[in-house]
Each structure stands twice: as C-alpha cells, then as structure tokens.
Amino acid sequence: MANETGENRADAGGRGRMPAWLRRPIARPGAYAEVGRLIGELDLHTVCESAKCPNRGECFSAGTATFLIMGGICTRDCRFCAVESRPPTPLDPDEPRRVAEAAKRLGLRHVVVTTVTRDDLADGGAQHFVDVISALRDAVPEASVEVLTSDFGGRMASIDTVMHAAPDVFNHNVETVPRLYPEVRPQADYERSLAVLARAREVRRDVPTKSGIMLGLGEELDEVRAVMEDLRGAGVEMLTLGQYLQPSADHLPVARFVEPAVFGELARDGYRLGFTAVASAPFVRSSYHAGELASERGDRAAFSAE
C-alpha cells in the first residue's frame, strides 16, 4: 500500500511484491538475438548485461546497446551495482576498434559508452575513452557519442583529456543523496562527483553535461531536490531519475517503490530548476533512450512521467 508520500514500502528484505507499474511485458523478439550474437562475436561487454539492466530486452530488441569499456571487472564495489568487483585485467588496445565496429554494424545514430571504474590506472582510463571516441568518429561519423564516465578518482586532468575529445554528451552519475554515500557508494565522494561535472562544463561549455539519481534507497524527496539544485549549480543540463531495483540478494535492498506520479512531480521540479531535458520514470536509466533525450533537450513533455 502506498504511504502518504506516494511511495510503496518494500518489505524488510527489499524483495516485496513488485507493484504493477514495474511489471514489464516480454520484449518483442526483434533484433535481440542478433545484438547478443554481435556482442559475443566481438568480445565486448555491455552495461545492459553486466549490470542486469531491466531494459535489456527492450533495448536489444530495438537493435541497440550501451557499451561497457575497459573490461567487465570494476575496482570498486558499490552496493547497488551488479558489475563484478575484483582485480581487473589489463586494458585491451583493440577494444576501441571493436566497439566502433559494433556501432557501425548496428547502425547506431547515438552511441553510449560507459565504463567500469579503473582506479588501478594512472589516468583512470581517460585515454582509453579518447581512443574509443576517436574510433567511433572514424567508423560512424554521422553518430553522436555520449560518454558515461567514472569520477577518475578526482583527477581533473583526466576530465580534461576526455572533454578535449569533444563527446556530444558528458555523463557522470551522482547516483544518490549525500547521506547515503557511505552505504551505497563507499568508495565514492559526492563533492568529488559534483566537481567532475563542474570541470567538464568548464572545459567544454558547448558539450552538455548529464547526471542521474536512483530513487528507492531510503532517500527523502527533499534530499533529492537538494541534489538536483546542486547539479544545476554545477552546470548540469540533463537529468535522469529512475527506480533502484535490487540486482541480487547480495545487494542493497529496495527501501521503497516510488510511484510514477512522484517521478512526474520531480520532472516538473527539474524543469523549474532549469534542466533542459529530464527523463524521470521508474524504468529510466542513464542510457535508456539516451539519443531521444539528447535530441529532445528542452521538450518538457517527452520523458517526464505524468
């Protein structure tokens, strides 16, 4: 039952009965198998699979995917994320070429590239991002490129490196409210993430910056609004808000299932704050319909959950 704030509490284990608005239809066959085969053939990783994204069926069936670069192993162990954490393997210098080939064969018009965190690398993997962007520009010059980066350990020089490669969108997620960082992102730092976004904006004011927040981890709505204000203060233009879903019993439980109407309210708040594009709905993720969000900047009706 929804409480007075329009939120449905999960049970103590975070695995309560899924509310009706979180029950997804079976994805249409479409290009699902073809995308899976291509990713396997080129020995690539996708955040769709590695992070157990609930939108994988829809996106693969539509012939798209979000590439996860620098391997499938993360040096951090965020308690919300399903990506495996252990000592990583060396960077694969051929990976940029294979990402570009996949984008070309899929006919992508907007390519989203994200990464595991590589704290073991001196630059956090910034140059590898540049190599991927360069390969994509060569292979699919008509496509826009969106990067979703780590915080690079706070190395401002690494942000500069990526921004000088002129991605079409620079995304870095704050994920949750500052109070929950010790539990949700113990190896990250809220102020550091804001600094990353501000630096990206400072280096290339012509490149829109973007960030995302997960709801349902125990945050209060006033805390979410405060984060939205902080993001605007850092110059962020584009915002995504979605429902956290527990990827396994070993991860943080869901504290509450947030009603679609609340996502709609937050979208309206976001536009009032000056964001040019807001995607706010239970199944929204950073890269979900990212191309449409980028092209619809300023269209307030396109992605808010009414």
C-alpha atoms as a PDB file:
ATOM      1  CA  MET A   1       0.000   0.000   0.000  1.00  0.00           C
ATOM      2  CA  ALA A   2       1.253   3.477  -0.847  1.00  0.00           C
ATOM      3  CA  ASN A   3       2.123   5.731   2.059  1.00  0.00           C
ATOM      4  CA  GLU A   4       1.240   9.393   2.378  1.00  0.00           C
ATOM      5  CA  THR A   5       4.199  10.461   0.221  1.00  0.00           C
ATOM      6  CA  GLY A   6       3.047   8.340  -2.714  1.00  0.00           C
ATOM      7  CA  GLU A   7       5.694   5.669  -2.185  1.00  0.00           C
ATOM      8  CA  ASN A   8       5.270   1.923  -1.720  1.00  0.00           C
ATOM      9  CA  ARG A   9       7.425   0.450   1.008  1.00  0.00           C
ATOM     10  CA  ALA A  10       9.299  -2.749   0.185  1.00  0.00           C
ATOM     11  CA  ASP A  11       9.453  -5.491   2.797  1.00  0.00           C
ATOM     12  CA  ALA A  12      12.382  -5.775   5.191  1.00  0.00           C
ATOM     13  CA  GLY A  13      14.425  -7.712   2.630  1.00  0.00           C
ATOM     14  CA  GLY A  14      13.688  -5.301  -0.200  1.00  0.00           C
ATOM     15  CA  ARG A  15      12.029  -8.057  -2.212  1.00  0.00           C
ATOM     16  CA  GLY A  16       8.369  -7.232  -1.687  1.00  0.00           C
ATOM     17  CA  ARG A  17       5.774  -7.887  -4.341  1.00  0.00           C
ATOM     18  CA  MET A  18       6.586  -5.785  -7.373  1.00  0.00           C
ATOM     19  CA  PRO A  19       3.996  -3.036  -7.931  1.00  0.00           C
ATOM     20  CA  ALA A  20       2.027  -3.122 -11.156  1.00  0.00           C
ATOM     21  CA  TRP A  21       3.967  -0.281 -12.784  1.00  0.00           C
ATOM     22  CA  LEU A  22       7.212  -2.293 -12.512  1.00  0.00           C
ATOM     23  CA  ARG A  23       5.923  -5.358 -14.337  1.00  0.00           C
ATOM     24  CA  ARG A  24       7.396  -5.252 -17.797  1.00  0.00           C
ATOM     25  CA  PRO A  25       5.906  -7.047 -20.802  1.00  0.00           C
ATOM     26  CA  ILE A  26       8.024  -9.684 -22.511  1.00  0.00           C
ATOM     27  CA  ALA A  27      10.236  -7.960 -25.059  1.00  0.00           C
ATOM     28  CA  ARG A  28       9.437  -8.380 -28.721  1.00  0.00           C
ATOM     29  CA  PRO A  29      11.878 -10.719 -30.493  1.00  0.00           C
ATOM     30  CA  GLY A  30      13.159  -8.021 -32.871  1.00  0.00           C
ATOM     31  CA  ALA A  31      16.945  -7.874 -33.019  1.00  0.00           C
ATOM     32  CA  TYR A  32      17.512  -9.335 -29.536  1.00  0.00           C
ATOM     33  CA  ALA A  33      19.395 -12.452 -30.656  1.00  0.00           C
ATOM     34  CA  GLU A  34      21.325 -10.556 -33.333  1.00  0.00           C
ATOM     35  CA  VAL A  35      22.607  -7.984 -30.842  1.00  0.00           C
ATOM     36  CA  GLY A  36      23.598 -10.710 -28.394  1.00  0.00           C
ATOM     37  CA  ARG A  37      25.482 -12.604 -31.078  1.00  0.00           C
ATOM     38  CA  LEU A  38      27.317  -9.484 -32.240  1.00  0.00           C
ATOM     39  CA  ILE A  39      28.414  -8.569 -28.719  1.00  0.00           C
ATOM     40  CA  GLY A  40      29.678 -12.110 -28.204  1.00  0.00           C
ATOM     41  CA  GLU A  41      31.405 -12.266 -31.580  1.00  0.00           C
ATOM     42  CA  LEU A  42      33.297  -9.026 -30.927  1.00  0.00           C
ATOM     43  CA  ASP A  43      34.070  -9.985 -27.328  1.00  0.00           C
ATOM     44  CA  LEU A  44      32.524  -6.829 -25.911  1.00  0.00           C
ATOM     45  CA  HIS A  45      30.765  -6.015 -22.668  1.00  0.00           C
ATOM     46  CA  THR A  46      27.510  -4.132 -22.263  1.00  0.00           C
ATOM     47  CA  VAL A  47      26.178  -2.481 -19.146  1.00  0.00           C
ATOM     48  CA  CYS A  48      22.844  -3.986 -20.175  1.00  0.00           C
ATOM     49  CA  GLU A  49      24.132  -7.462 -19.310  1.00  0.00           C
ATOM     50  CA  SER A  50      26.824  -6.749 -16.722  1.00  0.00           C
ATOM     51  CA  ALA A  51      24.571  -4.545 -14.587  1.00  0.00           C
ATOM     52  CA  LYS A  52      21.463  -6.710 -15.122  1.00  0.00           C
ATOM     53  CA  CYS A  53      19.535  -3.760 -16.535  1.00  0.00           C
ATOM     54  CA  PRO A  54      15.755  -4.340 -16.605  1.00  0.00           C
ATOM     55  CA  ASN A  55      15.581  -2.637 -20.009  1.00  0.00           C
ATOM     56  CA  ARG A  56      17.956  -5.070 -21.710  1.00  0.00           C
ATOM     57  CA  GLY A  57      15.192  -6.928 -23.537  1.00  0.00           C
ATOM     58  CA  GLU A  58      13.657  -3.766 -24.910  1.00  0.00           C
ATOM     59  CA  CYS A  59      16.961  -2.225 -25.966  1.00  0.00           C
ATOM     60  CA  PHE A  60      18.441  -5.358 -27.525  1.00  0.00           C
ATOM     61  CA  SER A  61      15.170  -5.981 -29.363  1.00  0.00           C
ATOM     62  CA  ALA A  62      15.383  -2.448 -30.749  1.00  0.00           C
ATOM     63  CA  GLY A  63      18.916  -3.159 -32.007  1.00  0.00           C
ATOM     64  CA  THR A  64      20.829  -1.034 -29.523  1.00  0.00           C
ATOM     65  CA  ALA A  65      23.091  -1.500 -26.507  1.00  0.00           C
ATOM     66  CA  THR A  66      25.282   0.508 -24.147  1.00  0.00           C
ATOM     67  CA  PHE A  67      28.942  -0.448 -24.406  1.00  0.00           C
ATOM     68  CA  LEU A  68      30.889  -1.100 -21.211  1.00  0.00           C
ATOM     69  CA  ILE A  69      34.577  -0.489 -21.843  1.00  0.00           C
ATOM     70  CA  MET A  70      37.826  -1.352 -20.045  1.00  0.00           C
ATOM     71  CA  GLY A  71      36.669  -4.881 -19.329  1.00  0.00           C
ATOM     72  CA  GLY A  72      33.821  -6.235 -17.259  1.00  0.00           C
ATOM     73  CA  ILE A  73      35.524  -6.032 -13.850  1.00  0.00           C
ATOM     74  CA  CYS A  74      35.360  -2.970 -11.575  1.00  0.00           C
ATOM     75  CA  THR A  75      37.901  -1.894  -8.966  1.00  0.00           C
ATOM     76  CA  ARG A  76      35.088  -0.597  -6.736  1.00  0.00           C
ATOM     77  CA  ASP A  77      32.301  -2.476  -5.015  1.00  0.00           C
ATOM     78  CA  CYS A  78      29.261  -0.198  -4.913  1.00  0.00           C
ATOM     79  CA  ARG A  79      26.467  -1.962  -3.072  1.00  0.00           C
ATOM     80  CA  PHE A  80      23.810  -1.209  -5.702  1.00  0.00           C
ATOM     81  CA  CYS A  81      25.736  -2.432  -8.746  1.00  0.00           C
ATOM     82  CA  ALA A  82      25.816  -5.928 -10.233  1.00  0.00           C
ATOM     83  CA  VAL A  83      29.099  -5.441 -12.125  1.00  0.00           C
ATOM     84  CA  GLU A  84      31.731  -7.836 -10.786  1.00  0.00           C
ATOM     85  CA  SER A  85      34.406  -6.392  -8.498  1.00  0.00           C
ATOM     86  CA  ARG A  86      37.908  -7.898  -8.270  1.00  0.00           C
ATOM     87  CA  PRO A  87      41.393  -7.101  -9.599  1.00  0.00           C
ATOM     88  CA  PRO A  88      40.932  -6.181 -13.280  1.00  0.00           C
ATOM     89  CA  THR A  89      42.746  -7.315 -16.385  1.00  0.00           C
ATOM     90  CA  PRO A  90      44.986  -5.018 -18.472  1.00  0.00           C
ATOM     91  CA  LEU A  91      43.323  -2.726 -20.986  1.00  0.00           C
ATOM     92  CA  ASP A  92      42.687  -4.242 -24.401  1.00  0.00           C
ATOM     93  CA  PRO A  93      44.122  -1.864 -27.034  1.00  0.00           C
ATOM     94  CA  ASP A  94      41.881  -3.395 -29.705  1.00  0.00           C
ATOM     95  CA  GLU A  95      38.668  -2.730 -27.767  1.00  0.00           C
ATOM     96  CA  PRO A  96      38.052   0.751 -29.289  1.00  0.00           C
ATOM     97  CA  ARG A  97      38.103  -0.729 -32.802  1.00  0.00           C
ATOM     98  CA  ARG A  98      35.636  -3.468 -31.834  1.00  0.00           C
ATOM     99  CA  VAL A  99      33.278  -1.011 -30.148  1.00  0.00           C
ATOM    100  CA  ALA A 100      33.308   1.102 -33.308  1.00  0.00           C
ATOM    101  CA  GLU A 101      32.691  -1.956 -35.478  1.00  0.00           C
ATOM    102  CA  ALA A 102      29.727  -2.963 -33.348  1.00  0.00           C
ATOM    103  CA  ALA A 103      28.262   0.541 -33.540  1.00  0.00           C
ATOM    104  CA  LYS A 104      28.660   0.535 -37.312  1.00  0.00           C
ATOM    105  CA  ARG A 105      27.122  -2.905 -37.784  1.00  0.00           C
ATOM    106  CA  LEU A 106      24.198  -1.980 -35.544  1.00  0.00           C
ATOM    107  CA  GLY A 107      23.670   1.256 -37.447  1.00  0.00           C
ATOM    108  CA  LEU A 108      23.643   3.316 -34.261  1.00  0.00           C
ATOM    109  CA  ARG A 109      22.944   7.025 -34.533  1.00  0.00           C
ATOM    110  CA  HIS A 110      23.657   7.751 -30.867  1.00  0.00           C
ATOM    111  CA  VAL A 111      26.355   5.664 -29.195  1.00  0.00           C
ATOM    112  CA  VAL A 112      26.513   5.470 -25.400  1.00  0.00           C
ATOM    113  CA  VAL A 113      29.827   4.333 -23.916  1.00  0.00           C
ATOM    114  CA  THR A 114      30.226   3.717 -20.202  1.00  0.00           C
ATOM    115  CA  THR A 115      32.927   2.070 -18.131  1.00  0.00           C
ATOM    116  CA  VAL A 116      33.867   0.126 -15.094  1.00  0.00           C
ATOM    117  CA  THR A 117      35.883   2.173 -12.606  1.00  0.00           C
ATOM    118  CA  ARG A 118      39.612   1.595 -13.082  1.00  0.00           C
ATOM    119  CA  ASP A 119      41.329   3.030 -10.019  1.00  0.00           C
ATOM    120  CA  ASP A 120      44.356   0.910 -10.928  1.00  0.00           C
ATOM    121  CA  LEU A 121      45.143   3.080 -13.975  1.00  0.00           C
ATOM    122  CA  ALA A 122      47.187   6.257 -13.645  1.00  0.00           C
ATOM    123  CA  ASP A 123      44.609   8.283 -15.612  1.00  0.00           C
ATOM    124  CA  GLY A 124      41.586   6.219 -14.593  1.00  0.00           C
ATOM    125  CA  GLY A 125      41.195   5.161 -18.214  1.00  0.00           C
ATOM    126  CA  ALA A 126      40.730   8.635 -19.690  1.00  0.00           C
ATOM    127  CA  GLN A 127      42.939   7.992 -22.723  1.00  0.00           C
ATOM    128  CA  HIS A 128      41.069   4.766 -23.431  1.00  0.00           C
ATOM    129  CA  PHE A 129      37.863   6.802 -23.586  1.00  0.00           C
ATOM    130  CA  VAL A 130      39.550   9.110 -26.084  1.00  0.00           C
ATOM    131  CA  ASP A 131      40.627   6.135 -28.182  1.00  0.00           C
ATOM    132  CA  VAL A 132      37.041   4.830 -28.229  1.00  0.00           C
ATOM    133  CA  ILE A 133      35.647   8.240 -29.193  1.00  0.00           C
ATOM    134  CA  SER A 134      38.226   8.538 -31.988  1.00  0.00           C
ATOM    135  CA  ALA A 135      37.425   5.060 -33.326  1.00  0.00           C
ATOM    136  CA  LEU A 136      33.706   5.849 -33.307  1.00  0.00           C
ATOM    137  CA  ARG A 137      34.250   9.145 -35.138  1.00  0.00           C
ATOM    138  CA  ASP A 138      36.115   7.257 -37.855  1.00  0.00           C
ATOM    139  CA  ALA A 139      33.662   4.363 -38.165  1.00  0.00           C
ATOM    140  CA  VAL A 140      30.321   6.157 -37.689  1.00  0.00           C
ATOM    141  CA  PRO A 141      30.967   9.864 -38.298  1.00  0.00           C
ATOM    142  CA  GLU A 142      27.248  10.544 -38.527  1.00  0.00           C
ATOM    143  CA  ALA A 143      26.604   9.242 -34.985  1.00  0.00           C
ATOM    144  CA  SER A 144      26.646  11.277 -31.796  1.00  0.00           C
ATOM    145  CA  VAL A 145      28.720   9.923 -28.909  1.00  0.00           C
ATOM    146  CA  GLU A 146      27.700  10.051 -25.258  1.00  0.00           C
ATOM    147  CA  VAL A 147      30.178   9.051 -22.565  1.00  0.00           C
ATOM    148  CA  LEU A 148      29.201   7.990 -19.061  1.00  0.00           C
ATOM    149  CA  THR A 149      32.396   8.116 -17.051  1.00  0.00           C
ATOM    150  CA  SER A 150      33.651   7.251 -13.601  1.00  0.00           C
ATOM    151  CA  ASP A 151      34.950  10.026 -11.347  1.00  0.00           C
ATOM    152  CA  PHE A 152      38.538   9.155 -12.410  1.00  0.00           C
ATOM    153  CA  GLY A 153      39.481   9.297  -8.753  1.00  0.00           C
ATOM    154  CA  GLY A 154      39.027  13.070  -8.877  1.00  0.00           C
ATOM    155  CA  ARG A 155      41.832  13.576 -11.426  1.00  0.00           C
ATOM    156  CA  MET A 156      40.872  16.805 -13.151  1.00  0.00           C
ATOM    157  CA  ALA A 157      43.486  16.201 -15.854  1.00  0.00           C
ATOM    158  CA  SER A 158      41.593  13.057 -16.835  1.00  0.00           C
ATOM    159  CA  ILE A 159      38.356  15.014 -17.196  1.00  0.00           C
ATOM    160  CA  ASP A 160      40.238  17.480 -19.397  1.00  0.00           C
ATOM    161  CA  THR A 161      41.543  14.628 -21.547  1.00  0.00           C
ATOM    162  CA  VAL A 162      38.059  13.256 -22.205  1.00  0.00           C
ATOM    163  CA  MET A 163      36.495  16.650 -22.798  1.00  0.00           C
ATOM    164  CA  HIS A 164      39.163  17.668 -25.295  1.00  0.00           C
ATOM    165  CA  ALA A 165      37.966  14.697 -27.385  1.00  0.00           C
ATOM    166  CA  ALA A 166      34.610  16.535 -27.643  1.00  0.00           C
ATOM    167  CA  PRO A 167      31.991  13.903 -26.855  1.00  0.00           C
ATOM    168  CA  ASP A 168      28.477  15.043 -27.726  1.00  0.00           C
ATOM    169  CA  VAL A 169      27.252  14.427 -24.155  1.00  0.00           C
ATOM    170  CA  PHE A 170      29.283  14.017 -20.961  1.00  0.00           C
ATOM    171  CA  ASN A 171      27.524  11.991 -18.272  1.00  0.00           C
ATOM    172  CA  HIS A 172      28.611  11.208 -14.729  1.00  0.00           C
ATOM    173  CA  ASN A 173      26.075   9.941 -12.218  1.00  0.00           C
ATOM    174  CA  VAL A 174      25.866  11.080  -8.614  1.00  0.00           C
ATOM    175  CA  GLU A 175      23.535   8.066  -8.073  1.00  0.00           C
ATOM    176  CA  THR A 176      22.092   9.001  -4.677  1.00  0.00           C
ATOM    177  CA  VAL A 177      21.896  11.643  -1.968  1.00  0.00           C
ATOM    178  CA  PRO A 178      24.997  12.553   0.093  1.00  0.00           C
ATOM    179  CA  ARG A 179      23.664  10.999   3.316  1.00  0.00           C
ATOM    180  CA  LEU A 180      23.535   7.544   1.702  1.00  0.00           C
ATOM    181  CA  TYR A 181      27.001   7.584   0.105  1.00  0.00           C
ATOM    182  CA  PRO A 182      28.727   5.627   2.920  1.00  0.00           C
ATOM    183  CA  GLU A 183      26.244   2.789   2.451  1.00  0.00           C
ATOM    184  CA  VAL A 184      25.593   2.956  -1.295  1.00  0.00           C
ATOM    185  CA  ARG A 185      28.894   4.234  -2.758  1.00  0.00           C
ATOM    186  CA  PRO A 186      31.512   3.838  -0.002  1.00  0.00           C
ATOM    187  CA  GLN A 187      34.481   4.364  -2.344  1.00  0.00           C
ATOM    188  CA  ALA A 188      32.985   7.448  -3.991  1.00  0.00           C
ATOM    189  CA  ASP A 189      32.534  11.016  -2.805  1.00  0.00           C
ATOM    190  CA  TYR A 190      29.555  13.252  -3.508  1.00  0.00           C
ATOM    191  CA  GLU A 191      31.504  16.502  -3.686  1.00  0.00           C
ATOM    192  CA  ARG A 192      34.068  14.855  -5.954  1.00  0.00           C
ATOM    193  CA  SER A 193      31.338  13.811  -8.368  1.00  0.00           C
ATOM    194  CA  LEU A 194      29.958  17.354  -8.434  1.00  0.00           C
ATOM    195  CA  ALA A 195      33.482  18.624  -9.103  1.00  0.00           C
ATOM    196  CA  VAL A 196      33.836  16.219 -12.057  1.00  0.00           C
ATOM    197  CA  LEU A 197      30.635  17.565 -13.618  1.00  0.00           C
ATOM    198  CA  ALA A 198      31.598  21.180 -12.977  1.00  0.00           C
ATOM    199  CA  ARG A 199      35.043  20.641 -14.515  1.00  0.00           C
ATOM    200  CA  ALA A 200      33.584  19.046 -17.634  1.00  0.00           C
ATOM    201  CA  ARG A 201      31.301  22.031 -18.052  1.00  0.00           C
ATOM    202  CA  GLU A 202      34.174  24.435 -17.503  1.00  0.00           C
ATOM    203  CA  VAL A 203      36.397  22.783 -20.131  1.00  0.00           C
ATOM    204  CA  ARG A 204      33.748  22.486 -22.874  1.00  0.00           C
ATOM    205  CA  ARG A 205      30.726  24.690 -22.360  1.00  0.00           C
ATOM    206  CA  ASP A 206      29.382  23.544 -25.727  1.00  0.00           C
ATOM    207  CA  VAL A 207      29.096  19.931 -24.523  1.00  0.00           C
ATOM    208  CA  PRO A 208      26.001  19.288 -22.390  1.00  0.00           C
ATOM    209  CA  THR A 209      26.561  17.539 -19.080  1.00  0.00           C
ATOM    210  CA  LYS A 210      24.203  14.959 -17.647  1.00  0.00           C
ATOM    211  CA  SER A 211      23.750  13.103 -14.364  1.00  0.00           C
ATOM    212  CA  GLY A 212      21.432  10.558 -12.810  1.00  0.00           C
ATOM    213  CA  ILE A 213      19.876   9.662  -9.468  1.00  0.00           C
ATOM    214  CA  MET A 214      18.385   6.364  -8.285  1.00  0.00           C
ATOM    215  CA  LEU A 215      15.293   6.511  -6.088  1.00  0.00           C
ATOM    216  CA  GLY A 216      14.147   3.932  -3.577  1.00  0.00           C
ATOM    217  CA  LEU A 217      17.312   3.559  -1.490  1.00  0.00           C
ATOM    218  CA  GLY A 218      15.977   5.381   1.554  1.00  0.00           C
ATOM    219  CA  GLU A 219      16.340   8.990   0.437  1.00  0.00           C
ATOM    220  CA  GLU A 220      13.791  11.702   1.226  1.00  0.00           C
ATOM    221  CA  LEU A 221      12.295  13.732  -1.600  1.00  0.00           C
ATOM    222  CA  ASP A 222      13.665  16.960  -0.146  1.00  0.00           C
ATOM    223  CA  GLU A 223      17.136  15.392  -0.314  1.00  0.00           C
ATOM    224  CA  VAL A 224      16.594  14.521  -3.977  1.00  0.00           C
ATOM    225  CA  ARG A 225      15.544  18.080  -4.726  1.00  0.00           C
ATOM    226  CA  ALA A 226      18.635  19.365  -2.939  1.00  0.00           C
ATOM    227  CA  VAL A 227      20.815  17.144  -5.143  1.00  0.00           C
ATOM    228  CA  MET A 228      19.012  18.464  -8.215  1.00  0.00           C
ATOM    229  CA  GLU A 229      19.842  22.002  -7.094  1.00  0.00           C
ATOM    230  CA  ASP A 230      23.487  21.014  -6.579  1.00  0.00           C
ATOM    231  CA  LEU A 231      23.610  19.544 -10.077  1.00  0.00           C
ATOM    232  CA  ARG A 232      22.239  22.710 -11.599  1.00  0.00           C
ATOM    233  CA  GLY A 233      24.815  24.636  -9.597  1.00  0.00           C
ATOM    234  CA  ALA A 234      27.485  22.503 -11.272  1.00  0.00           C
ATOM    235  CA  GLY A 235      26.065  23.413 -14.692  1.00  0.00           C
ATOM    236  CA  VAL A 236      24.385  20.062 -15.416  1.00  0.00           C
ATOM    237  CA  GLU A 237      21.743  20.373 -18.153  1.00  0.00           C
ATOM    238  CA  MET A 238      20.301  16.872 -18.449  1.00  0.00           C
ATOM    239  CA  LEU A 239      18.912  14.711 -15.651  1.00  0.00           C
ATOM    240  CA  THR A 240      17.725  11.121 -15.306  1.00  0.00           C
ATOM    241  CA  LEU A 241      15.793   9.692 -12.369  1.00  0.00           C
ATOM    242  CA  GLY A 242      14.784   6.041 -12.069  1.00  0.00           C
ATOM    243  CA  GLN A 243      13.772   3.373  -9.583  1.00  0.00           C
ATOM    244  CA  TYR A 244      16.535   1.338  -7.942  1.00  0.00           C
ATOM    245  CA  LEU A 245      15.935  -2.405  -8.294  1.00  0.00           C
ATOM    246  CA  GLN A 246      17.943  -4.910  -6.276  1.00  0.00           C
ATOM    247  CA  PRO A 247      20.019  -6.980  -8.748  1.00  0.00           C
ATOM    248  CA  SER A 248      20.561  -9.866  -6.311  1.00  0.00           C
ATOM    249  CA  ALA A 249      20.105 -10.839  -2.676  1.00  0.00           C
ATOM    250  CA  ASP A 250      23.717  -9.753  -2.057  1.00  0.00           C
ATOM    251  CA  HIS A 251      22.992  -6.135  -2.960  1.00  0.00           C
ATOM    252  CA  LEU A 252      21.257  -3.331  -1.105  1.00  0.00           C
ATOM    253  CA  PRO A 253      17.551  -3.953  -0.622  1.00  0.00           C
ATOM    254  CA  VAL A 254      14.924  -1.647  -2.064  1.00  0.00           C
ATOM    255  CA  ALA A 255      13.635   0.655   0.660  1.00  0.00           C
ATOM    256  CA  ARG A 256      10.580   1.749  -1.319  1.00  0.00           C
ATOM    257  CA  PHE A 257       8.982   1.583  -4.734  1.00  0.00           C
ATOM    258  CA  VAL A 258       8.367   5.141  -5.873  1.00  0.00           C
ATOM    259  CA  GLU A 259       5.050   5.900  -7.557  1.00  0.00           C
ATOM    260  CA  PRO A 260       5.119   7.130 -11.176  1.00  0.00           C
ATOM    261  CA  ALA A 261       3.324  10.299 -10.070  1.00  0.00           C
ATOM    262  CA  VAL A 262       6.282  11.175  -7.836  1.00  0.00           C
ATOM    263  CA  PHE A 263       8.646  10.815 -10.791  1.00  0.00           C
ATOM    264  CA  GLY A 264       6.384  13.184 -12.709  1.00  0.00           C
ATOM    265  CA  GLU A 265       6.489  15.689  -9.866  1.00  0.00           C
ATOM    266  CA  LEU A 266      10.293  15.541  -9.784  1.00  0.00           C
ATOM    267  CA  ALA A 267      10.441  16.047 -13.546  1.00  0.00           C
ATOM    268  CA  ARG A 268       8.437  19.222 -13.205  1.00  0.00           C
ATOM    269  CA  ASP A 269      10.712  20.345 -10.380  1.00  0.00           C
ATOM    270  CA  GLY A 270      13.699  19.673 -12.644  1.00  0.00           C
ATOM    271  CA  TYR A 271      12.384  21.887 -15.418  1.00  0.00           C
ATOM    272  CA  ARG A 272      11.606  24.626 -12.920  1.00  0.00           C
ATOM    273  CA  LEU A 273      15.236  24.440 -11.810  1.00  0.00           C
ATOM    274  CA  GLY A 274      16.387  24.941 -15.392  1.00  0.00           C
ATOM    275  CA  PHE A 275      17.332  21.476 -16.648  1.00  0.00           C
ATOM    276  CA  THR A 276      16.915  21.368 -20.425  1.00  0.00           C
ATOM    277  CA  ALA A 277      15.952  17.679 -20.517  1.00  0.00           C
ATOM    278  CA  VAL A 278      14.634  15.411 -17.776  1.00  0.00           C
ATOM    279  CA  ALA A 279      13.896  11.689 -18.022  1.00  0.00           C
ATOM    280  CA  SER A 280      12.032  10.700 -14.868  1.00  0.00           C
ATOM    281  CA  ALA A 281      10.145   7.410 -14.599  1.00  0.00           C
ATOM    282  CA  PRO A 282      10.597   4.070 -12.807  1.00  0.00           C
ATOM    283  CA  PHE A 283      12.482   2.297 -15.603  1.00  0.00           C
ATOM    284  CA  VAL A 284      14.646   5.250 -16.630  1.00  0.00           C
ATOM    285  CA  ARG A 285      18.362   4.533 -16.577  1.00  0.00           C
ATOM    286  CA  SER A 286      21.268   6.747 -17.644  1.00  0.00           C
ATOM    287  CA  SER A 287      21.445   5.341 -21.148  1.00  0.00           C
ATOM    288  CA  TYR A 288      17.753   4.454 -21.626  1.00  0.00           C
ATOM    289  CA  HIS A 289      16.525   6.259 -24.770  1.00  0.00           C
ATOM    290  CA  ALA A 290      19.619   8.439 -24.406  1.00  0.00           C
ATOM    291  CA  GLY A 291      19.584   9.511 -28.036  1.00  0.00           C
ATOM    292  CA  GLU A 292      15.998  10.706 -27.797  1.00  0.00           C
ATOM    293  CA  LEU A 293      16.753  12.585 -24.586  1.00  0.00           C
ATOM    294  CA  ALA A 294      19.758  14.285 -26.174  1.00  0.00           C
ATOM    295  CA  SER A 295      17.779  15.323 -29.250  1.00  0.00           C
ATOM    296  CA  GLU A 296      14.759  16.434 -27.237  1.00  0.00           C
ATOM    297  CA  ARG A 297      16.589  18.799 -24.884  1.00  0.00           C
ATOM    298  CA  GLY A 298      14.048  21.359 -23.828  1.00  0.00           C
ATOM    299  CA  ASP A 299      10.986  19.242 -24.747  1.00  0.00           C
ATOM    300  CA  ARG A 300       9.389  19.057 -21.338  1.00  0.00           C
ATOM    301  CA  ALA A 301       6.699  16.573 -22.308  1.00  0.00           C
ATOM    302  CA  ALA A 302       8.877  13.919 -23.866  1.00  0.00           C
ATOM    303  CA  PHE A 303      10.238  11.979 -20.909  1.00  0.00           C
ATOM    304  CA  SER A 304       8.507  13.102 -17.734  1.00  0.00           C
ATOM    305  CA  ALA A 305       6.194  10.563 -16.122  1.00  0.00           C
ATOM    306  CA  GLU A 306       2.810  12.245 -15.905  1.00  0.00           C
END
